Amino acid sequence: MQRFIAGLFLAICGCLHAQTIDLLASIPFSFHAGNAILPAGEYRVHHENHTLVIQERTGAHTALLLANDAYQPNLPSRSTLTFNRYGENYFLSSLSVVGDAYGSALPKTRSEKELARGGDLGQSVSVALK
């Protein structure tokens, strides 16, 4: 019985363990991350406990975002940042990590909702993370 309880405890603790992610992205276009507009460039992507930090390598530009879990029934084969594109405007919308069934989704900003309401269906654009 003690082994069963110990095994159950370890299983629960493993599920509650927060995953920390540190990756790099080369983003070839300026984009909206929350209410910030960031230029094209090399970025460090850090995710921990529903917090997503996107920081330009030089440290000159940073966005701190709250993300929601997003279940992905098909495990991603690579880590990516996904953007919603409306004309020349790109909005960061999600983070997927290779082999993880739960990605992170970002809520749409007021600006993105206005563009979507304007009739532009938008396109999904992914950028690989290293």
N, C-alpha and C. Protein backbone atom coordinates (compact mmCIF):
# COMPACT_ATOMS: atom_id res chain seq x y z
N MET A 1 0.83 -1.20 0.00
CA MET A 1 0.00 0.00 0.00
C MET A 1 0.87 1.26 0.00
N GLN A 2 1.97 1.22 0.76
CA GLN A 2 2.84 2.38 0.82
C GLN A 2 3.49 2.65 -0.55
N ARG A 3 3.82 1.57 -1.26
CA ARG A 3 4.38 1.74 -2.60
C ARG A 3 3.37 2.39 -3.53
N PHE A 4 2.13 1.96 -3.43
CA PHE A 4 1.07 2.53 -4.26
C PHE A 4 0.93 4.02 -3.99
N ILE A 5 0.90 4.42 -2.73
CA ILE A 5 0.75 5.83 -2.36
C ILE A 5 1.96 6.62 -2.83
N ALA A 6 3.16 6.06 -2.65
CA ALA A 6 4.38 6.75 -3.10
C ALA A 6 4.37 6.92 -4.62
N GLY A 7 3.94 5.88 -5.35
CA GLY A 7 3.87 5.96 -6.81
C GLY A 7 2.85 6.99 -7.25
N LEU A 8 1.71 7.03 -6.59
CA LEU A 8 0.67 8.01 -6.91
C LEU A 8 1.17 9.43 -6.65
N PHE A 9 1.87 9.61 -5.54
CA PHE A 9 2.43 10.92 -5.20
C PHE A 9 3.41 11.38 -6.28
N LEU A 10 4.30 10.49 -6.71
CA LEU A 10 5.27 10.84 -7.75
C LEU A 10 4.58 11.16 -9.08
N ALA A 11 3.54 10.43 -9.42
CA ALA A 11 2.81 10.69 -10.66
C ALA A 11 2.15 12.05 -10.63
N ILE A 12 1.54 12.39 -9.49
CA ILE A 12 0.87 13.69 -9.36
C ILE A 12 1.90 14.81 -9.42
N CYS A 13 3.00 14.66 -8.72
CA CYS A 13 4.04 15.69 -8.73
C CYS A 13 4.59 15.90 -10.13
N GLY A 14 4.75 14.80 -10.89
CA GLY A 14 5.25 14.91 -12.26
C GLY A 14 4.30 15.69 -13.14
N CYS A 15 3.00 15.51 -12.94
CA CYS A 15 2.01 16.23 -13.74
C CYS A 15 1.98 17.71 -13.41
N LEU A 16 2.28 18.04 -12.16
CA LEU A 16 2.22 19.44 -11.73
C LEU A 16 3.51 20.20 -12.05
N HIS A 17 4.53 19.49 -12.48
CA HIS A 17 5.80 20.12 -12.79
C HIS A 17 5.65 21.06 -13.98
N ALA A 18 6.03 22.30 -13.78
CA ALA A 18 5.94 23.29 -14.86
C ALA A 18 7.13 23.13 -15.79
N GLN A 19 6.85 23.17 -17.08
CA GLN A 19 7.92 23.03 -18.06
C GLN A 19 8.48 24.41 -18.38
N THR A 20 9.79 24.52 -18.34
CA THR A 20 10.46 25.77 -18.71
C THR A 20 11.05 25.59 -20.10
N ILE A 21 10.81 26.56 -20.95
CA ILE A 21 11.26 26.49 -22.33
C ILE A 21 12.10 27.72 -22.65
N ASP A 22 13.28 27.50 -23.21
CA ASP A 22 14.16 28.57 -23.68
C ASP A 22 14.60 28.20 -25.09
N LEU A 23 14.14 28.96 -26.07
CA LEU A 23 14.47 28.70 -27.47
C LEU A 23 14.80 30.00 -28.18
N LEU A 24 15.29 29.90 -29.40
CA LEU A 24 15.63 31.06 -30.22
C LEU A 24 14.78 31.08 -31.48
N ALA A 25 14.46 32.28 -31.94
CA ALA A 25 13.68 32.43 -33.17
C ALA A 25 14.26 33.56 -34.00
N SER A 26 14.30 33.34 -35.31
CA SER A 26 14.67 34.39 -36.26
C SER A 26 13.37 34.81 -36.95
N ILE A 27 12.86 35.97 -36.57
CA ILE A 27 11.56 36.42 -37.08
C ILE A 27 11.81 37.47 -38.16
N PRO A 28 11.41 37.17 -39.42
CA PRO A 28 11.76 38.04 -40.55
C PRO A 28 10.82 39.22 -40.79
N PHE A 29 9.93 39.51 -39.87
CA PHE A 29 8.96 40.60 -40.04
C PHE A 29 8.67 41.24 -38.69
N SER A 30 8.24 42.49 -38.70
CA SER A 30 7.82 43.11 -37.45
C SER A 30 6.48 42.48 -37.06
N PHE A 31 6.18 42.47 -35.76
CA PHE A 31 4.97 41.78 -35.30
C PHE A 31 4.45 42.39 -34.00
N HIS A 32 3.18 42.11 -33.76
CA HIS A 32 2.52 42.52 -32.53
C HIS A 32 2.63 41.37 -31.53
N ALA A 33 3.07 41.66 -30.32
CA ALA A 33 3.10 40.69 -29.23
C ALA A 33 2.38 41.35 -28.08
N GLY A 34 1.12 40.98 -27.89
CA GLY A 34 0.29 41.72 -26.95
C GLY A 34 0.10 43.12 -27.51
N ASN A 35 0.32 44.13 -26.69
CA ASN A 35 0.17 45.52 -27.15
C ASN A 35 1.48 46.11 -27.66
N ALA A 36 2.56 45.34 -27.64
CA ALA A 36 3.86 45.81 -28.14
C ALA A 36 4.02 45.47 -29.62
N ILE A 37 4.73 46.33 -30.33
CA ILE A 37 5.10 46.05 -31.72
C ILE A 37 6.61 45.88 -31.73
N LEU A 38 7.06 44.70 -32.15
CA LEU A 38 8.48 44.37 -32.13
C LEU A 38 9.01 44.28 -33.56
N PRO A 39 10.26 44.72 -33.78
CA PRO A 39 10.84 44.67 -35.13
C PRO A 39 11.31 43.27 -35.49
N ALA A 40 11.53 43.06 -36.76
CA ALA A 40 12.12 41.79 -37.22
C ALA A 40 13.47 41.62 -36.54
N GLY A 41 13.85 40.37 -36.29
CA GLY A 41 15.15 40.15 -35.66
C GLY A 41 15.27 38.79 -35.01
N GLU A 42 16.36 38.62 -34.28
CA GLU A 42 16.64 37.39 -33.54
C GLU A 42 16.09 37.55 -32.13
N TYR A 43 15.28 36.57 -31.71
CA TYR A 43 14.62 36.66 -30.41
C TYR A 43 14.86 35.42 -29.56
N ARG A 44 14.94 35.65 -28.26
CA ARG A 44 14.95 34.59 -27.26
C ARG A 44 13.51 34.42 -26.82
N VAL A 45 13.03 33.18 -26.77
CA VAL A 45 11.66 32.88 -26.36
C VAL A 45 11.75 32.07 -25.07
N HIS A 46 11.19 32.61 -24.01
CA HIS A 46 11.21 31.95 -22.70
C HIS A 46 9.77 31.76 -22.25
N HIS A 47 9.42 30.51 -21.89
CA HIS A 47 8.06 30.22 -21.43
C HIS A 47 8.12 29.44 -20.13
N GLU A 48 7.39 29.93 -19.14
CA GLU A 48 7.33 29.25 -17.85
C GLU A 48 6.06 29.69 -17.12
N ASN A 49 5.31 28.73 -16.60
CA ASN A 49 4.11 29.02 -15.79
C ASN A 49 3.17 30.03 -16.44
N HIS A 50 2.77 29.78 -17.66
CA HIS A 50 1.82 30.62 -18.40
C HIS A 50 2.35 32.02 -18.72
N THR A 51 3.65 32.23 -18.55
CA THR A 51 4.26 33.51 -18.89
C THR A 51 5.19 33.30 -20.07
N LEU A 52 5.01 34.12 -21.09
CA LEU A 52 5.83 34.05 -22.29
C LEU A 52 6.60 35.35 -22.42
N VAL A 53 7.92 35.24 -22.50
CA VAL A 53 8.78 36.42 -22.66
C VAL A 53 9.46 36.30 -24.02
N ILE A 54 9.28 37.33 -24.84
CA ILE A 54 9.92 37.42 -26.15
C ILE A 54 10.90 38.59 -26.06
N GLN A 55 12.19 38.30 -26.20
CA GLN A 55 13.20 39.35 -26.06
C GLN A 55 14.18 39.33 -27.21
N GLU A 56 14.36 40.50 -27.84
CA GLU A 56 15.35 40.62 -28.90
C GLU A 56 16.72 40.32 -28.32
N ARG A 57 17.58 39.70 -29.11
CA ARG A 57 18.91 39.29 -28.62
C ARG A 57 19.69 40.43 -27.98
N THR A 58 19.55 41.64 -28.50
CA THR A 58 20.28 42.78 -27.94
C THR A 58 19.65 43.27 -26.64
N GLY A 59 18.43 42.82 -26.36
CA GLY A 59 17.72 43.27 -25.16
C GLY A 59 16.97 44.57 -25.35
N ALA A 60 17.03 45.13 -26.56
CA ALA A 60 16.40 46.42 -26.82
C ALA A 60 14.87 46.34 -26.85
N HIS A 61 14.32 45.18 -27.20
CA HIS A 61 12.87 45.03 -27.32
C HIS A 61 12.43 43.77 -26.58
N THR A 62 11.41 43.93 -25.73
CA THR A 62 10.91 42.80 -24.95
C THR A 62 9.40 42.89 -24.82
N ALA A 63 8.74 41.74 -24.84
CA ALA A 63 7.30 41.67 -24.57
C ALA A 63 7.09 40.56 -23.53
N LEU A 64 6.28 40.87 -22.54
CA LEU A 64 5.90 39.92 -21.49
C LEU A 64 4.42 39.64 -21.66
N LEU A 65 4.07 38.36 -21.88
CA LEU A 65 2.69 38.00 -22.21
C LEU A 65 2.18 36.88 -21.31
N LEU A 66 0.89 36.90 -21.03
CA LEU A 66 0.24 35.79 -20.33
C LEU A 66 -0.39 34.88 -21.36
N ALA A 67 -0.10 33.61 -21.27
CA ALA A 67 -0.57 32.63 -22.26
C ALA A 67 -1.50 31.61 -21.60
N ASN A 68 -2.39 31.06 -22.39
CA ASN A 68 -3.30 30.01 -21.95
C ASN A 68 -2.85 28.67 -22.53
N ASP A 69 -3.09 27.59 -21.80
CA ASP A 69 -2.81 26.26 -22.35
C ASP A 69 -3.73 26.01 -23.54
N ALA A 70 -3.19 25.36 -24.55
CA ALA A 70 -3.97 25.01 -25.73
C ALA A 70 -3.65 23.56 -26.10
N TYR A 71 -4.62 22.68 -25.94
CA TYR A 71 -4.42 21.27 -26.25
C TYR A 71 -4.25 21.08 -27.75
N GLN A 72 -3.23 20.29 -28.12
CA GLN A 72 -2.93 19.98 -29.52
C GLN A 72 -3.04 18.47 -29.68
N PRO A 73 -4.13 17.98 -30.29
CA PRO A 73 -4.32 16.53 -30.39
C PRO A 73 -3.20 15.82 -31.16
N ASN A 74 -2.58 16.51 -32.11
CA ASN A 74 -1.44 15.95 -32.84
C ASN A 74 -0.17 16.58 -32.29
N LEU A 75 0.70 15.76 -31.74
CA LEU A 75 1.94 16.29 -31.16
C LEU A 75 2.76 17.01 -32.23
N PRO A 76 3.22 18.23 -31.96
CA PRO A 76 4.02 18.94 -32.94
C PRO A 76 5.35 18.23 -33.22
N SER A 77 5.75 18.23 -34.48
CA SER A 77 7.02 17.61 -34.86
C SER A 77 8.18 18.59 -34.77
N ARG A 78 7.87 19.86 -34.54
CA ARG A 78 8.92 20.87 -34.33
C ARG A 78 8.34 21.99 -33.47
N SER A 79 9.23 22.74 -32.86
CA SER A 79 8.81 23.88 -32.03
C SER A 79 8.63 25.10 -32.92
N THR A 80 7.50 25.80 -32.74
CA THR A 80 7.21 26.96 -33.58
C THR A 80 6.50 28.07 -32.80
N LEU A 81 6.65 29.27 -33.33
CA LEU A 81 5.80 30.40 -32.98
C LEU A 81 4.85 30.56 -34.15
N THR A 82 3.57 30.78 -33.88
CA THR A 82 2.60 30.96 -34.94
C THR A 82 2.03 32.38 -34.85
N PHE A 83 1.91 33.00 -36.02
CA PHE A 83 1.40 34.37 -36.12
C PHE A 83 0.15 34.38 -36.99
N ASN A 84 -0.79 35.25 -36.65
CA ASN A 84 -1.93 35.51 -37.53
C ASN A 84 -1.56 36.74 -38.36
N ARG A 85 -1.70 36.62 -39.67
CA ARG A 85 -1.32 37.71 -40.57
C ARG A 85 -2.57 38.31 -41.21
N TYR A 86 -2.69 39.63 -41.09
CA TYR A 86 -3.77 40.39 -41.73
C TYR A 86 -3.08 41.48 -42.56
N GLY A 87 -3.03 41.29 -43.87
CA GLY A 87 -2.30 42.23 -44.71
C GLY A 87 -0.83 42.20 -44.34
N GLU A 88 -0.29 43.34 -43.92
CA GLU A 88 1.12 43.42 -43.52
C GLU A 88 1.28 43.38 -42.00
N ASN A 89 0.21 43.11 -41.28
CA ASN A 89 0.25 43.06 -39.82
C ASN A 89 0.31 41.62 -39.33
N TYR A 90 1.31 41.31 -38.49
CA TYR A 90 1.48 39.97 -37.93
C TYR A 90 1.24 40.05 -36.43
N PHE A 91 0.45 39.11 -35.91
CA PHE A 91 0.13 39.05 -34.49
C PHE A 91 0.55 37.70 -33.94
N LEU A 92 1.40 37.71 -32.91
CA LEU A 92 1.81 36.46 -32.28
C LEU A 92 0.58 35.80 -31.68
N SER A 93 0.33 34.53 -32.03
CA SER A 93 -0.89 33.87 -31.55
C SER A 93 -0.63 32.62 -30.71
N SER A 94 0.49 31.91 -30.95
CA SER A 94 0.71 30.70 -30.16
C SER A 94 2.16 30.23 -30.20
N LEU A 95 2.45 29.34 -29.25
CA LEU A 95 3.74 28.67 -29.14
C LEU A 95 3.47 27.18 -29.07
N SER A 96 4.16 26.41 -29.91
CA SER A 96 4.08 24.94 -29.87
C SER A 96 5.48 24.41 -29.66
N VAL A 97 5.60 23.39 -28.81
CA VAL A 97 6.89 22.79 -28.51
C VAL A 97 6.87 21.33 -28.94
N VAL A 98 7.90 20.91 -29.63
CA VAL A 98 7.99 19.55 -30.15
C VAL A 98 7.67 18.53 -29.05
N GLY A 99 6.77 17.59 -29.38
CA GLY A 99 6.43 16.51 -28.47
C GLY A 99 5.54 16.86 -27.30
N ASP A 100 5.09 18.12 -27.20
CA ASP A 100 4.26 18.55 -26.07
C ASP A 100 2.80 18.68 -26.52
N ALA A 101 1.91 17.98 -25.85
CA ALA A 101 0.49 18.01 -26.23
C ALA A 101 -0.19 19.33 -25.88
N TYR A 102 0.44 20.12 -25.03
CA TYR A 102 -0.14 21.41 -24.66
C TYR A 102 0.77 22.53 -25.12
N GLY A 103 0.27 23.33 -26.04
CA GLY A 103 0.97 24.51 -26.46
C GLY A 103 0.46 25.69 -25.65
N SER A 104 0.82 26.87 -26.07
CA SER A 104 0.37 28.09 -25.41
C SER A 104 -0.30 28.99 -26.42
N ALA A 105 -1.49 29.45 -26.08
CA ALA A 105 -2.25 30.35 -26.96
C ALA A 105 -2.32 31.72 -26.32
N LEU A 106 -2.20 32.75 -27.15
CA LEU A 106 -2.30 34.12 -26.67
C LEU A 106 -3.65 34.70 -27.07
N PRO A 107 -4.27 35.45 -26.18
CA PRO A 107 -5.56 36.05 -26.54
C PRO A 107 -5.38 37.12 -27.61
N LYS A 108 -6.39 37.29 -28.44
CA LYS A 108 -6.33 38.33 -29.48
C LYS A 108 -6.43 39.71 -28.84
N THR A 109 -5.63 40.62 -29.37
CA THR A 109 -5.68 42.01 -28.89
C THR A 109 -6.84 42.74 -29.57
N ARG A 110 -7.14 43.91 -29.06
CA ARG A 110 -8.20 44.72 -29.65
C ARG A 110 -7.88 45.03 -31.12
N SER A 111 -6.63 45.35 -31.41
CA SER A 111 -6.22 45.66 -32.79
C SER A 111 -6.45 44.48 -33.72
N GLU A 112 -6.09 43.28 -33.27
CA GLU A 112 -6.27 42.10 -34.10
C GLU A 112 -7.75 41.82 -34.32
N LYS A 113 -8.56 41.97 -33.28
CA LYS A 113 -10.00 41.73 -33.41
C LYS A 113 -10.62 42.71 -34.41
N GLU A 114 -10.18 43.97 -34.39
CA GLU A 114 -10.69 44.97 -35.34
C GLU A 114 -10.35 44.60 -36.77
N LEU A 115 -9.10 44.16 -37.00
CA LEU A 115 -8.70 43.74 -38.35
C LEU A 115 -9.50 42.52 -38.81
N ALA A 116 -9.72 41.58 -37.90
CA ALA A 116 -10.48 40.38 -38.25
C ALA A 116 -11.93 40.73 -38.56
N ARG A 117 -12.49 41.69 -37.83
CA ARG A 117 -13.87 42.11 -38.08
C ARG A 117 -14.02 42.84 -39.41
N GLY A 118 -12.92 43.39 -39.89
CA GLY A 118 -12.93 44.13 -41.15
C GLY A 118 -13.09 43.24 -42.37
N GLY A 119 -13.23 41.95 -42.17
CA GLY A 119 -13.45 41.04 -43.29
C GLY A 119 -12.22 40.29 -43.74
N ASP A 120 -11.04 40.67 -43.24
CA ASP A 120 -9.83 39.95 -43.61
C ASP A 120 -9.77 38.65 -42.82
N LEU A 121 -9.76 37.52 -43.52
CA LEU A 121 -9.75 36.23 -42.85
C LEU A 121 -8.41 35.93 -42.19
N GLY A 122 -7.38 36.56 -42.66
CA GLY A 122 -6.06 36.33 -42.09
C GLY A 122 -5.45 35.01 -42.53
N GLN A 123 -4.16 34.91 -42.34
CA GLN A 123 -3.41 33.70 -42.67
C GLN A 123 -2.58 33.31 -41.45
N SER A 124 -2.28 32.03 -41.34
CA SER A 124 -1.44 31.54 -40.27
C SER A 124 -0.02 31.39 -40.81
N VAL A 125 0.95 31.97 -40.09
CA VAL A 125 2.35 31.91 -40.49
C VAL A 125 3.16 31.37 -39.32
N SER A 126 3.97 30.35 -39.56
CA SER A 126 4.78 29.75 -38.48
C SER A 126 6.25 30.05 -38.69
N VAL A 127 6.96 30.24 -37.56
CA VAL A 127 8.40 30.45 -37.56
C VAL A 127 9.00 29.38 -36.66
N ALA A 128 9.99 28.66 -37.17
CA ALA A 128 10.62 27.58 -36.42
C ALA A 128 11.46 28.14 -35.27
N LEU A 129 11.47 27.40 -34.17
CA LEU A 129 12.29 27.74 -33.01
C LEU A 129 13.47 26.78 -32.94
N LYS A 130 14.59 27.26 -32.46
CA LYS A 130 15.79 26.42 -32.32
C LYS A 130 16.13 26.26 -30.85
